[in-house]
Amino acid sequence: MKPKHPTVICINTDWCKGCGICAAFCPKQVLVMNQRDKAEVVAAENCIACKQCEQRCPDLAIQVIKSPAKEEKEAS
């Protein structure tokens, strides 16, 4: 069953310099580098909201917004 509010991954492509760190550290291969060498979300439904991409991005170009259901589950 899919959550009602899936995790949202916001990428500021103006800030992304195309280093590929986010894609390399994503354990679920949610991110890839596109033809313009910018990070792109290709499998948002697989995101486990580990925030590896957000934490490792040297340009602060990625923000992971957890679904309310995931936040409640982690709190309990």
C-alpha atoms as a PDB file:
ATOM      1  CA  MET A   1       0.000   0.000   0.000  1.00  0.00           C
ATOM      2  CA  LYS A   2       1.442   3.372  -1.028  1.00  0.00           C
ATOM      3  CA  PRO A   3       1.460   6.203   1.504  1.00  0.00           C
ATOM      4  CA  LYS A   4      -1.053   9.000   0.968  1.00  0.00           C
ATOM      5  CA  HIS A   5       1.726  11.601   1.137  1.00  0.00           C
ATOM      6  CA  PRO A   6       4.902  10.232  -0.413  1.00  0.00           C
ATOM      7  CA  THR A   7       8.302  11.693   0.337  1.00  0.00           C
ATOM      8  CA  VAL A   8       9.055  14.719  -1.815  1.00  0.00           C
ATOM      9  CA  ILE A   9      12.563  15.329  -3.152  1.00  0.00           C
ATOM     10  CA  CYS A  10      13.185  18.909  -4.265  1.00  0.00           C
ATOM     11  CA  ILE A  11      16.242  19.591  -6.420  1.00  0.00           C
ATOM     12  CA  ASN A  12      17.320  23.127  -7.188  1.00  0.00           C
ATOM     13  CA  THR A  13      18.881  22.563 -10.612  1.00  0.00           C
ATOM     14  CA  ASP A  14      20.312  26.087 -10.611  1.00  0.00           C
ATOM     15  CA  TRP A  15      22.454  25.158  -7.607  1.00  0.00           C
ATOM     16  CA  CYS A  16      23.290  21.589  -8.717  1.00  0.00           C
ATOM     17  CA  LYS A  17      26.795  21.455 -10.209  1.00  0.00           C
ATOM     18  CA  GLY A  18      26.449  17.846 -11.332  1.00  0.00           C
ATOM     19  CA  CYS A  19      28.983  16.214  -9.005  1.00  0.00           C
ATOM     20  CA  GLY A  20      26.918  12.999  -8.741  1.00  0.00           C
ATOM     21  CA  ILE A  21      27.451  12.509  -5.001  1.00  0.00           C
ATOM     22  CA  CYS A  22      23.698  12.328  -4.359  1.00  0.00           C
ATOM     23  CA  ALA A  23      23.159   9.593  -6.948  1.00  0.00           C
ATOM     24  CA  ALA A  24      26.206   7.647  -5.759  1.00  0.00           C
ATOM     25  CA  PHE A  25      25.063   7.525  -2.133  1.00  0.00           C
ATOM     26  CA  CYS A  26      21.348   6.880  -2.703  1.00  0.00           C
ATOM     27  CA  PRO A  27      20.732   3.349  -1.393  1.00  0.00           C
ATOM     28  CA  LYS A  28      17.553   2.939  -3.486  1.00  0.00           C
ATOM     29  CA  GLN A  29      18.756   4.484  -6.785  1.00  0.00           C
ATOM     30  CA  VAL A  30      16.121   7.204  -6.586  1.00  0.00           C
ATOM     31  CA  LEU A  31      18.422   9.781  -8.175  1.00  0.00           C
ATOM     32  CA  VAL A  32      20.412   9.753 -11.414  1.00  0.00           C
ATOM     33  CA  MET A  33      22.410  12.320 -13.314  1.00  0.00           C
ATOM     34  CA  ASN A  34      20.584  13.443 -16.437  1.00  0.00           C
ATOM     35  CA  GLN A  35      22.022  14.432 -19.829  1.00  0.00           C
ATOM     36  CA  ARG A  36      22.679  17.968 -18.577  1.00  0.00           C
ATOM     37  CA  ASP A  37      24.689  16.562 -15.619  1.00  0.00           C
ATOM     38  CA  LYS A  38      22.033  17.584 -13.120  1.00  0.00           C
ATOM     39  CA  ALA A  39      20.494  15.381 -10.429  1.00  0.00           C
ATOM     40  CA  GLU A  40      17.078  14.049 -11.350  1.00  0.00           C
ATOM     41  CA  VAL A  41      14.492  12.011  -9.437  1.00  0.00           C
ATOM     42  CA  VAL A  42      13.624   8.842 -11.369  1.00  0.00           C
ATOM     43  CA  ALA A  43      12.099   6.593  -8.701  1.00  0.00           C
ATOM     44  CA  ALA A  44      10.531   8.760  -5.990  1.00  0.00           C
ATOM     45  CA  GLU A  45       8.333   5.868  -4.873  1.00  0.00           C
ATOM     46  CA  ASN A  46      11.470   3.984  -3.753  1.00  0.00           C
ATOM     47  CA  CYS A  47      12.714   6.811  -1.510  1.00  0.00           C
ATOM     48  CA  ILE A  48      13.124   5.788   2.136  1.00  0.00           C
ATOM     49  CA  ALA A  49      13.805   9.387   3.237  1.00  0.00           C
ATOM     50  CA  CYS A  50      17.264   8.555   4.570  1.00  0.00           C
ATOM     51  CA  LYS A  51      18.377  12.057   3.504  1.00  0.00           C
ATOM     52  CA  GLN A  52      21.809  10.822   2.353  1.00  0.00           C
ATOM     53  CA  CYS A  53      21.445  12.964  -0.769  1.00  0.00           C
ATOM     54  CA  GLU A  54      20.447  16.067   1.171  1.00  0.00           C
ATOM     55  CA  GLN A  55      23.217  15.669   3.744  1.00  0.00           C
ATOM     56  CA  ARG A  56      25.984  14.990   1.212  1.00  0.00           C
ATOM     57  CA  CYS A  57      25.110  17.605  -1.407  1.00  0.00           C
ATOM     58  CA  PRO A  58      27.957  20.159  -1.221  1.00  0.00           C
ATOM     59  CA  ASP A  59      25.766  22.835  -2.821  1.00  0.00           C
ATOM     60  CA  LEU A  60      22.664  22.354  -0.629  1.00  0.00           C
ATOM     61  CA  ALA A  61      20.663  21.797  -3.808  1.00  0.00           C
ATOM     62  CA  ILE A  62      18.526  18.939  -2.456  1.00  0.00           C
ATOM     63  CA  GLN A  63      15.774  18.961   0.127  1.00  0.00           C
ATOM     64  CA  VAL A  64      13.981  15.794   1.246  1.00  0.00           C
ATOM     65  CA  ILE A  65      10.546  16.357   2.745  1.00  0.00           C
ATOM     66  CA  LYS A  66       9.266  13.314   4.604  1.00  0.00           C
ATOM     67  CA  SER A  67       5.641  12.340   4.415  1.00  0.00           C
ATOM     68  CA  PRO A  68       3.673  12.880   7.625  1.00  0.00           C
ATOM     69  CA  ALA A  69       3.085   9.109   7.853  1.00  0.00           C
ATOM     70  CA  LYS A  70       6.822   8.368   7.808  1.00  0.00           C
ATOM     71  CA  GLU A  71       7.496  10.967  10.492  1.00  0.00           C
ATOM     72  CA  GLU A  72       4.798   9.487  12.758  1.00  0.00           C
ATOM     73  CA  LYS A  73       6.119   5.963  12.259  1.00  0.00           C
ATOM     74  CA  GLU A  74       9.675   7.022  13.209  1.00  0.00           C
ATOM     75  CA  ALA A  75       8.431   8.873  16.312  1.00  0.00           C
ATOM     76  CA  SER A  76       6.770   5.770  17.748  1.00  0.00           C
END
